Amino acid sequence: MVVIVGAIAKLERNLIVERVRAGMRRARLEGRQIGRRPLEIDRVGVVRDRAIGMSLAEVAKAHRISRATVHRLLREQARPALEQTA
């Protein structure tokens, strides 16, 4: 009896997964945004504020983003400069 109930539960789970994937595929084809909308960040302002001596926390607070995002933006900004010198 337990095996039968388990098999039915597994089948139902697979059906749910298929329906969710189909719905997401259809939404993507219709051009709908899937997931969180990308942040609109003033990248030049973040780099400028950090360059004038503001701390990561101060820059993050001023631009209403996380410290990790500030760090990532600064690292991305430095990467092209490193690639040009190589």
PDB file of N, CA and C in Angstrom:
ATOM      1  N   MET A   1       0.825  -1.190   0.000  1.00  0.00           N
ATOM      2  CA  MET A   1       0.000   0.000   0.000  1.00  0.00           C
ATOM      3  C   MET A   1       0.878   1.268   0.000  1.00  0.00           C
ATOM      4  N   VAL A   2       1.929   1.289   0.845  1.00  0.00           N
ATOM      5  CA  VAL A   2       2.827   2.430   0.928  1.00  0.00           C
ATOM      6  C   VAL A   2       3.549   2.638  -0.399  1.00  0.00           C
ATOM      7  N   VAL A   3       3.928   1.553  -1.058  1.00  0.00           N
ATOM      8  CA  VAL A   3       4.634   1.640  -2.338  1.00  0.00           C
ATOM      9  C   VAL A   3       3.728   2.264  -3.392  1.00  0.00           C
ATOM     10  N   ILE A   4       2.471   1.905  -3.402  1.00  0.00           N
ATOM     11  CA  ILE A   4       1.525   2.444  -4.387  1.00  0.00           C
ATOM     12  C   ILE A   4       1.323   3.941  -4.159  1.00  0.00           C
ATOM     13  N   VAL A   5       1.136   4.347  -2.905  1.00  0.00           N
ATOM     14  CA  VAL A   5       0.955   5.764  -2.596  1.00  0.00           C
ATOM     15  C   VAL A   5       2.222   6.542  -2.979  1.00  0.00           C
ATOM     16  N   GLY A   6       3.382   5.980  -2.717  1.00  0.00           N
ATOM     17  CA  GLY A   6       4.641   6.626  -3.087  1.00  0.00           C
ATOM     18  C   GLY A   6       4.772   6.792  -4.585  1.00  0.00           C
ATOM     19  N   ALA A   7       4.374   5.784  -5.344  1.00  0.00           N
ATOM     20  CA  ALA A   7       4.451   5.858  -6.804  1.00  0.00           C
ATOM     21  C   ALA A   7       3.501   6.918  -7.345  1.00  0.00           C
ATOM     22  N   ILE A   8       2.308   6.998  -6.772  1.00  0.00           N
ATOM     23  CA  ILE A   8       1.336   8.010  -7.212  1.00  0.00           C
ATOM     24  C   ILE A   8       1.861   9.413  -6.884  1.00  0.00           C
ATOM     25  N   ALA A   9       2.464   9.586  -5.714  1.00  0.00           N
ATOM     26  CA  ALA A   9       3.025  10.885  -5.326  1.00  0.00           C
ATOM     27  C   ALA A   9       4.161  11.291  -6.274  1.00  0.00           C
ATOM     28  N   LYS A  10       4.988  10.337  -6.642  1.00  0.00           N
ATOM     29  CA  LYS A  10       6.088  10.610  -7.562  1.00  0.00           C
ATOM     30  C   LYS A  10       5.559  11.019  -8.935  1.00  0.00           C
ATOM     31  N   LEU A  11       4.541  10.328  -9.405  1.00  0.00           N
ATOM     32  CA  LEU A  11       3.920  10.665 -10.688  1.00  0.00           C
ATOM     33  C   LEU A  11       3.348  12.077 -10.652  1.00  0.00           C
ATOM     34  N   GLU A  12       2.634  12.412  -9.581  1.00  0.00           N
ATOM     35  CA  GLU A  12       2.042  13.739  -9.444  1.00  0.00           C
ATOM     36  C   GLU A  12       3.130  14.809  -9.431  1.00  0.00           C
ATOM     37  N   ARG A  13       4.208  14.551  -8.740  1.00  0.00           N
ATOM     38  CA  ARG A  13       5.331  15.502  -8.691  1.00  0.00           C
ATOM     39  C   ARG A  13       5.904  15.734 -10.080  1.00  0.00           C
ATOM     40  N   ASN A  14       6.080  14.676 -10.845  1.00  0.00           N
ATOM     41  CA  ASN A  14       6.599  14.812 -12.207  1.00  0.00           C
ATOM     42  C   ASN A  14       5.656  15.621 -13.082  1.00  0.00           C
ATOM     43  N   LEU A  15       4.348  15.427 -12.915  1.00  0.00           N
ATOM     44  CA  LEU A  15       3.372  16.202 -13.688  1.00  0.00           C
ATOM     45  C   LEU A  15       3.454  17.689 -13.342  1.00  0.00           C
ATOM     46  N   ILE A  16       3.609  17.997 -12.056  1.00  0.00           N
ATOM     47  CA  ILE A  16       3.722  19.390 -11.628  1.00  0.00           C
ATOM     48  C   ILE A  16       4.973  20.030 -12.224  1.00  0.00           C
ATOM     49  N   VAL A  17       6.090  19.313 -12.187  1.00  0.00           N
ATOM     50  CA  VAL A  17       7.346  19.833 -12.739  1.00  0.00           C
ATOM     51  C   VAL A  17       7.186  20.124 -14.225  1.00  0.00           C
ATOM     52  N   GLU A  18       6.549  19.231 -14.963  1.00  0.00           N
ATOM     53  CA  GLU A  18       6.336  19.433 -16.394  1.00  0.00           C
ATOM     54  C   GLU A  18       5.478  20.662 -16.660  1.00  0.00           C
ATOM     55  N   ARG A  19       4.402  20.849 -15.883  1.00  0.00           N
ATOM     56  CA  ARG A  19       3.523  22.006 -16.081  1.00  0.00           C
ATOM     57  C   ARG A  19       4.252  23.310 -15.786  1.00  0.00           C
ATOM     58  N   VAL A  20       5.072  23.330 -14.742  1.00  0.00           N
ATOM     59  CA  VAL A  20       5.815  24.548 -14.401  1.00  0.00           C
ATOM     60  C   VAL A  20       6.814  24.880 -15.501  1.00  0.00           C
ATOM     61  N   ARG A  21       7.529  23.891 -15.973  1.00  0.00           N
ATOM     62  CA  ARG A  21       8.509  24.134 -17.049  1.00  0.00           C
ATOM     63  C   ARG A  21       7.830  24.616 -18.321  1.00  0.00           C
ATOM     64  N   ALA A  22       6.697  24.033 -18.654  1.00  0.00           N
ATOM     65  CA  ALA A  22       5.957  24.450 -19.850  1.00  0.00           C
ATOM     66  C   ALA A  22       5.479  25.896 -19.700  1.00  0.00           C
ATOM     67  N   GLY A  23       4.988  26.243 -18.528  1.00  0.00           N
ATOM     68  CA  GLY A  23       4.525  27.609 -18.291  1.00  0.00           C
ATOM     69  C   GLY A  23       5.656  28.618 -18.377  1.00  0.00           C
ATOM     70  N   MET A  24       6.815  28.280 -17.819  1.00  0.00           N
ATOM     71  CA  MET A  24       7.963  29.187 -17.893  1.00  0.00           C
ATOM     72  C   MET A  24       8.467  29.318 -19.334  1.00  0.00           C
ATOM     73  N   ARG A  25       8.464  28.227 -20.069  1.00  0.00           N
ATOM     74  CA  ARG A  25       8.884  28.257 -21.469  1.00  0.00           C
ATOM     75  C   ARG A  25       7.959  29.163 -22.279  1.00  0.00           C
ATOM     76  N   ARG A  26       6.652  29.028 -22.058  1.00  0.00           N
ATOM     77  CA  ARG A  26       5.679  29.854 -22.772  1.00  0.00           C
ATOM     78  C   ARG A  26       5.863  31.327 -22.411  1.00  0.00           C
ATOM     79  N   ALA A  27       6.062  31.624 -21.122  1.00  0.00           N
ATOM     80  CA  ALA A  27       6.247  33.006 -20.685  1.00  0.00           C
ATOM     81  C   ALA A  27       7.494  33.605 -21.326  1.00  0.00           C
ATOM     82  N   ARG A  28       8.583  32.834 -21.394  1.00  0.00           N
ATOM     83  CA  ARG A  28       9.818  33.312 -22.018  1.00  0.00           C
ATOM     84  C   ARG A  28       9.595  33.615 -23.495  1.00  0.00           C
ATOM     85  N   LEU A  29       8.857  32.740 -24.182  1.00  0.00           N
ATOM     86  CA  LEU A  29       8.574  32.960 -25.601  1.00  0.00           C
ATOM     87  C   LEU A  29       7.712  34.192 -25.821  1.00  0.00           C
ATOM     88  N   GLU A  30       6.858  34.511 -24.859  1.00  0.00           N
ATOM     89  CA  GLU A  30       6.009  35.700 -24.956  1.00  0.00           C
ATOM     90  C   GLU A  30       6.755  36.962 -24.561  1.00  0.00           C
ATOM     91  N   GLY A  31       8.007  36.812 -24.122  1.00  0.00           N
ATOM     92  CA  GLY A  31       8.823  37.962 -23.786  1.00  0.00           C
ATOM     93  C   GLY A  31       8.663  38.459 -22.367  1.00  0.00           C
ATOM     94  N   ARG A  32       8.047  37.689 -21.512  1.00  0.00           N
ATOM     95  CA  ARG A  32       7.871  38.105 -20.115  1.00  0.00           C
ATOM     96  C   ARG A  32       9.169  37.962 -19.344  1.00  0.00           C
ATOM     97  N   GLN A  33       9.333  38.823 -18.345  1.00  0.00           N
ATOM     98  CA  GLN A  33      10.503  38.777 -17.471  1.00  0.00           C
ATOM     99  C   GLN A  33      10.368  37.590 -16.530  1.00  0.00           C
ATOM    100  N   ILE A  34      11.374  36.719 -16.503  1.00  0.00           N
ATOM    101  CA  ILE A  34      11.402  35.591 -15.591  1.00  0.00           C
ATOM    102  C   ILE A  34      12.388  35.935 -14.482  1.00  0.00           C
ATOM    103  N   GLY A  35      11.945  35.901 -13.251  1.00  0.00           N
ATOM    104  CA  GLY A  35      12.825  36.200 -12.126  1.00  0.00           C
ATOM    105  C   GLY A  35      12.859  37.680 -11.815  1.00  0.00           C
ATOM    106  N   ARG A  36      13.822  38.041 -11.013  1.00  0.00           N
ATOM    107  CA  ARG A  36      13.957  39.418 -10.555  1.00  0.00           C
ATOM    108  C   ARG A  36      14.421  40.324 -11.683  1.00  0.00           C
ATOM    109  N   ARG A  37      13.853  41.513 -11.750  1.00  0.00           N
ATOM    110  CA  ARG A  37      14.244  42.485 -12.761  1.00  0.00           C
ATOM    111  C   ARG A  37      15.651  42.998 -12.435  1.00  0.00           C
ATOM    112  N   PRO A  38      16.503  43.180 -13.442  1.00  0.00           N
ATOM    113  CA  PRO A  38      17.863  43.672 -13.185  1.00  0.00           C
ATOM    114  C   PRO A  38      17.844  45.053 -12.537  1.00  0.00           C
ATOM    115  N   LEU A  39      18.789  45.286 -11.628  1.00  0.00           N
ATOM    116  CA  LEU A  39      18.892  46.579 -10.967  1.00  0.00           C
ATOM    117  C   LEU A  39      19.409  47.628 -11.939  1.00  0.00           C
ATOM    118  N   GLU A  40      18.900  48.841 -11.799  1.00  0.00           N
ATOM    119  CA  GLU A  40      19.422  49.955 -12.581  1.00  0.00           C
ATOM    120  C   GLU A  40      20.413  50.693 -11.695  1.00  0.00           C
ATOM    121  N   ILE A  41      21.683  50.518 -11.987  1.00  0.00           N
ATOM    122  CA  ILE A  41      22.752  51.031 -11.133  1.00  0.00           C
ATOM    123  C   ILE A  41      23.570  52.055 -11.915  1.00  0.00           C
ATOM    124  N   ASP A  42      23.892  53.158 -11.263  1.00  0.00           N
ATOM    125  CA  ASP A  42      24.782  54.176 -11.836  1.00  0.00           C
ATOM    126  C   ASP A  42      26.220  53.688 -11.627  1.00  0.00           C
ATOM    127  N   ARG A  43      26.712  52.912 -12.579  1.00  0.00           N
ATOM    128  CA  ARG A  43      28.035  52.300 -12.440  1.00  0.00           C
ATOM    129  C   ARG A  43      29.145  53.355 -12.362  1.00  0.00           C
ATOM    130  N   VAL A  44      29.032  54.391 -13.172  1.00  0.00           N
ATOM    131  CA  VAL A  44      30.046  55.450 -13.168  1.00  0.00           C
ATOM    132  C   VAL A  44      30.049  56.149 -11.809  1.00  0.00           C
ATOM    133  N   GLY A  45      28.872  56.392 -11.257  1.00  0.00           N
ATOM    134  CA  GLY A  45      28.765  57.037  -9.953  1.00  0.00           C
ATOM    135  C   GLY A  45      29.372  56.190  -8.845  1.00  0.00           C
ATOM    136  N   VAL A  46      29.165  54.882  -8.914  1.00  0.00           N
ATOM    137  CA  VAL A  46      29.729  53.977  -7.901  1.00  0.00           C
ATOM    138  C   VAL A  46      31.252  54.032  -7.950  1.00  0.00           C
ATOM    139  N   VAL A  47      31.812  53.933  -9.140  1.00  0.00           N
ATOM    140  CA  VAL A  47      33.272  53.962  -9.292  1.00  0.00           C
ATOM    141  C   VAL A  47      33.819  55.319  -8.859  1.00  0.00           C
ATOM    142  N   ARG A  48      33.131  56.397  -9.248  1.00  0.00           N
ATOM    143  CA  ARG A  48      33.577  57.748  -8.881  1.00  0.00           C
ATOM    144  C   ARG A  48      33.569  57.930  -7.362  1.00  0.00           C
ATOM    145  N   ASP A  49      32.473  57.515  -6.705  1.00  0.00           N
ATOM    146  CA  ASP A  49      32.383  57.667  -5.255  1.00  0.00           C
ATOM    147  C   ASP A  49      33.462  56.879  -4.539  1.00  0.00           C
ATOM    148  N   ARG A  50      33.761  55.695  -5.019  1.00  0.00           N
ATOM    149  CA  ARG A  50      34.808  54.881  -4.390  1.00  0.00           C
ATOM    150  C   ARG A  50      36.174  55.528  -4.611  1.00  0.00           C
ATOM    151  N   ALA A  51      36.371  56.111  -5.811  1.00  0.00           N
ATOM    152  CA  ALA A  51      37.655  56.732  -6.139  1.00  0.00           C
ATOM    153  C   ALA A  51      37.924  57.966  -5.281  1.00  0.00           C
ATOM    154  N   ILE A  52      36.873  58.674  -4.839  1.00  0.00           N
ATOM    155  CA  ILE A  52      37.092  59.871  -4.019  1.00  0.00           C
ATOM    156  C   ILE A  52      37.286  59.523  -2.556  1.00  0.00           C
ATOM    157  N   GLY A  53      37.260  58.220  -2.231  1.00  0.00           N
ATOM    158  CA  GLY A  53      37.610  57.800  -0.882  1.00  0.00           C
ATOM    159  C   GLY A  53      36.470  57.309  -0.009  1.00  0.00           C
ATOM    160  N   MET A  54      35.275  57.173  -0.555  1.00  0.00           N
ATOM    161  CA  MET A  54      34.172  56.644   0.246  1.00  0.00           C
ATOM    162  C   MET A  54      34.396  55.154   0.493  1.00  0.00           C
ATOM    163  N   SER A  55      33.969  54.668   1.658  1.00  0.00           N
ATOM    164  CA  SER A  55      34.106  53.250   1.966  1.00  0.00           C
ATOM    165  C   SER A  55      33.070  52.461   1.167  1.00  0.00           C
ATOM    166  N   LEU A  56      33.259  51.147   1.108  1.00  0.00           N
ATOM    167  CA  LEU A  56      32.293  50.298   0.404  1.00  0.00           C
ATOM    168  C   LEU A  56      30.900  50.463   0.988  1.00  0.00           C
ATOM    169  N   ALA A  57      30.802  50.511   2.319  1.00  0.00           N
ATOM    170  CA  ALA A  57      29.508  50.644   2.983  1.00  0.00           C
ATOM    171  C   ALA A  57      28.860  51.987   2.654  1.00  0.00           C
ATOM    172  N   GLU A  58      29.660  53.053   2.618  1.00  0.00           N
ATOM    173  CA  GLU A  58      29.124  54.382   2.297  1.00  0.00           C
ATOM    174  C   GLU A  58      28.621  54.439   0.856  1.00  0.00           C
ATOM    175  N   VAL A  59      29.391  53.869  -0.054  1.00  0.00           N
ATOM    176  CA  VAL A  59      28.979  53.837  -1.463  1.00  0.00           C
ATOM    177  C   VAL A  59      27.698  53.018  -1.608  1.00  0.00           C
ATOM    178  N   ALA A  60      27.656  51.877  -0.939  1.00  0.00           N
ATOM    179  CA  ALA A  60      26.478  51.010  -1.014  1.00  0.00           C
ATOM    180  C   ALA A  60      25.246  51.729  -0.484  1.00  0.00           C
ATOM    181  N   LYS A  61      25.387  52.417   0.619  1.00  0.00           N
ATOM    182  CA  LYS A  61      24.260  53.120   1.212  1.00  0.00           C
ATOM    183  C   LYS A  61      23.804  54.271   0.314  1.00  0.00           C
ATOM    184  N   ALA A  62      24.747  54.993  -0.266  1.00  0.00           N
ATOM    185  CA  ALA A  62      24.418  56.125  -1.123  1.00  0.00           C
ATOM    186  C   ALA A  62      23.667  55.692  -2.378  1.00  0.00           C
ATOM    187  N   HIS A  63      23.998  54.523  -2.899  1.00  0.00           N
ATOM    188  CA  HIS A  63      23.389  54.052  -4.147  1.00  0.00           C
ATOM    189  C   HIS A  63      22.281  53.021  -3.914  1.00  0.00           C
ATOM    190  N   ARG A  64      22.037  52.699  -2.632  1.00  0.00           N
ATOM    191  CA  ARG A  64      20.993  51.750  -2.229  1.00  0.00           C
ATOM    192  C   ARG A  64      21.204  50.374  -2.861  1.00  0.00           C
ATOM    193  N   ILE A  65      22.448  49.893  -2.776  1.00  0.00           N
ATOM    194  CA  ILE A  65      22.803  48.552  -3.234  1.00  0.00           C
ATOM    195  C   ILE A  65      23.639  47.906  -2.133  1.00  0.00           C
ATOM    196  N   SER A  66      23.936  46.630  -2.272  1.00  0.00           N
ATOM    197  CA  SER A  66      24.714  45.932  -1.253  1.00  0.00           C
ATOM    198  C   SER A  66      26.206  46.203  -1.435  1.00  0.00           C
ATOM    199  N   ARG A  67      26.962  45.967  -0.359  1.00  0.00           N
ATOM    200  CA  ARG A  67      28.421  46.105  -0.435  1.00  0.00           C
ATOM    201  C   ARG A  67      28.991  45.117  -1.445  1.00  0.00           C
ATOM    202  N   ALA A  68      28.401  43.927  -1.496  1.00  0.00           N
ATOM    203  CA  ALA A  68      28.874  42.912  -2.450  1.00  0.00           C
ATOM    204  C   ALA A  68      28.699  43.393  -3.884  1.00  0.00           C
ATOM    205  N   THR A  69      27.602  44.080  -4.169  1.00  0.00           N
ATOM    206  CA  THR A  69      27.374  44.614  -5.510  1.00  0.00           C
ATOM    207  C   THR A  69      28.393  45.695  -5.835  1.00  0.00           C
ATOM    208  N   VAL A  70      28.693  46.559  -4.861  1.00  0.00           N
ATOM    209  CA  VAL A  70      29.718  47.588  -5.062  1.00  0.00           C
ATOM    210  C   VAL A  70      31.047  46.923  -5.387  1.00  0.00           C
ATOM    211  N   HIS A  71      31.406  45.912  -4.617  1.00  0.00           N
ATOM    212  CA  HIS A  71      32.677  45.217  -4.833  1.00  0.00           C
ATOM    213  C   HIS A  71      32.710  44.567  -6.214  1.00  0.00           C
ATOM    214  N   ARG A  72      31.613  43.939  -6.611  1.00  0.00           N
ATOM    215  CA  ARG A  72      31.544  43.289  -7.927  1.00  0.00           C
ATOM    216  C   ARG A  72      31.690  44.314  -9.048  1.00  0.00           C
ATOM    217  N   LEU A  73      31.023  45.471  -8.929  1.00  0.00           N
ATOM    218  CA  LEU A  73      31.114  46.514  -9.948  1.00  0.00           C
ATOM    219  C   LEU A  73      32.533  47.055 -10.057  1.00  0.00           C
ATOM    220  N   LEU A  74      33.191  47.246  -8.924  1.00  0.00           N
ATOM    221  CA  LEU A  74      34.566  47.736  -8.935  1.00  0.00           C
ATOM    222  C   LEU A  74      35.508  46.718  -9.572  1.00  0.00           C
ATOM    223  N   ARG A  75      35.284  45.449  -9.268  1.00  0.00           N
ATOM    224  CA  ARG A  75      36.110  44.390  -9.852  1.00  0.00           C
ATOM    225  C   ARG A  75      35.892  44.315 -11.365  1.00  0.00           C
ATOM    226  N   GLU A  76      34.630  44.452 -11.809  1.00  0.00           N
ATOM    227  CA  GLU A  76      34.343  44.442 -13.253  1.00  0.00           C
ATOM    228  C   GLU A  76      34.991  45.635 -13.939  1.00  0.00           C
ATOM    229  N   GLN A  77      34.983  46.787 -13.263  1.00  0.00           N
ATOM    230  CA  GLN A  77      35.581  47.998 -13.818  1.00  0.00           C
ATOM    231  C   GLN A  77      37.088  47.836 -13.966  1.00  0.00           C
ATOM    232  N   ALA A  78      37.724  47.154 -13.011  1.00  0.00           N
ATOM    233  CA  ALA A  78      39.175  46.973 -13.043  1.00  0.00           C
ATOM    234  C   ALA A  78      39.596  45.929 -14.063  1.00  0.00           C
ATOM    235  N   ARG A  79      38.734  44.953 -14.327  1.00  0.00           N
ATOM    236  CA  ARG A  79      39.094  43.868 -15.240  1.00  0.00           C
ATOM    237  C   ARG A  79      39.434  44.358 -16.650  1.00  0.00           C
ATOM    238  N   PRO A  80      38.631  45.231 -17.299  1.00  0.00           N
ATOM    239  CA  PRO A  80      39.014  45.697 -18.640  1.00  0.00           C
ATOM    240  C   PRO A  80      40.347  46.433 -18.643  1.00  0.00           C
ATOM    241  N   ALA A  81      40.644  47.176 -17.574  1.00  0.00           N
ATOM    242  CA  ALA A  81      41.934  47.888 -17.510  1.00  0.00           C
ATOM    243  C   ALA A  81      43.068  46.882 -17.460  1.00  0.00           C
ATOM    244  N   LEU A  82      42.893  45.777 -16.755  1.00  0.00           N
ATOM    245  CA  LEU A  82      43.938  44.757 -16.676  1.00  0.00           C
ATOM    246  C   LEU A  82      44.110  44.047 -18.016  1.00  0.00           C
ATOM    247  N   GLU A  83      42.997  43.844 -18.743  1.00  0.00           N
ATOM    248  CA  GLU A  83      43.081  43.157 -20.030  1.00  0.00           C
ATOM    249  C   GLU A  83      43.768  44.003 -21.069  1.00  0.00           C
ATOM    250  N   GLN A  84      43.656  45.353 -20.980  1.00  0.00           N
ATOM    251  CA  GLN A  84      44.298  46.231 -21.935  1.00  0.00           C
ATOM    252  C   GLN A  84      45.814  46.238 -21.764  1.00  0.00           C
ATOM    253  N   THR A  85      46.280  46.098 -20.508  1.00  0.00           N
ATOM    254  CA  THR A  85      47.722  46.119 -20.266  1.00  0.00           C
ATOM    255  C   THR A  85      48.394  44.785 -20.609  1.00  0.00           C
ATOM    256  N   ALA A  86      47.612  43.737 -20.697  1.00  0.00           N
ATOM    257  CA  ALA A  86      48.191  42.410 -20.960  1.00  0.00           C
ATOM    258  C   ALA A  86      48.474  42.187 -22.412  1.00  0.00           C
TER     259      ALA A  86
END
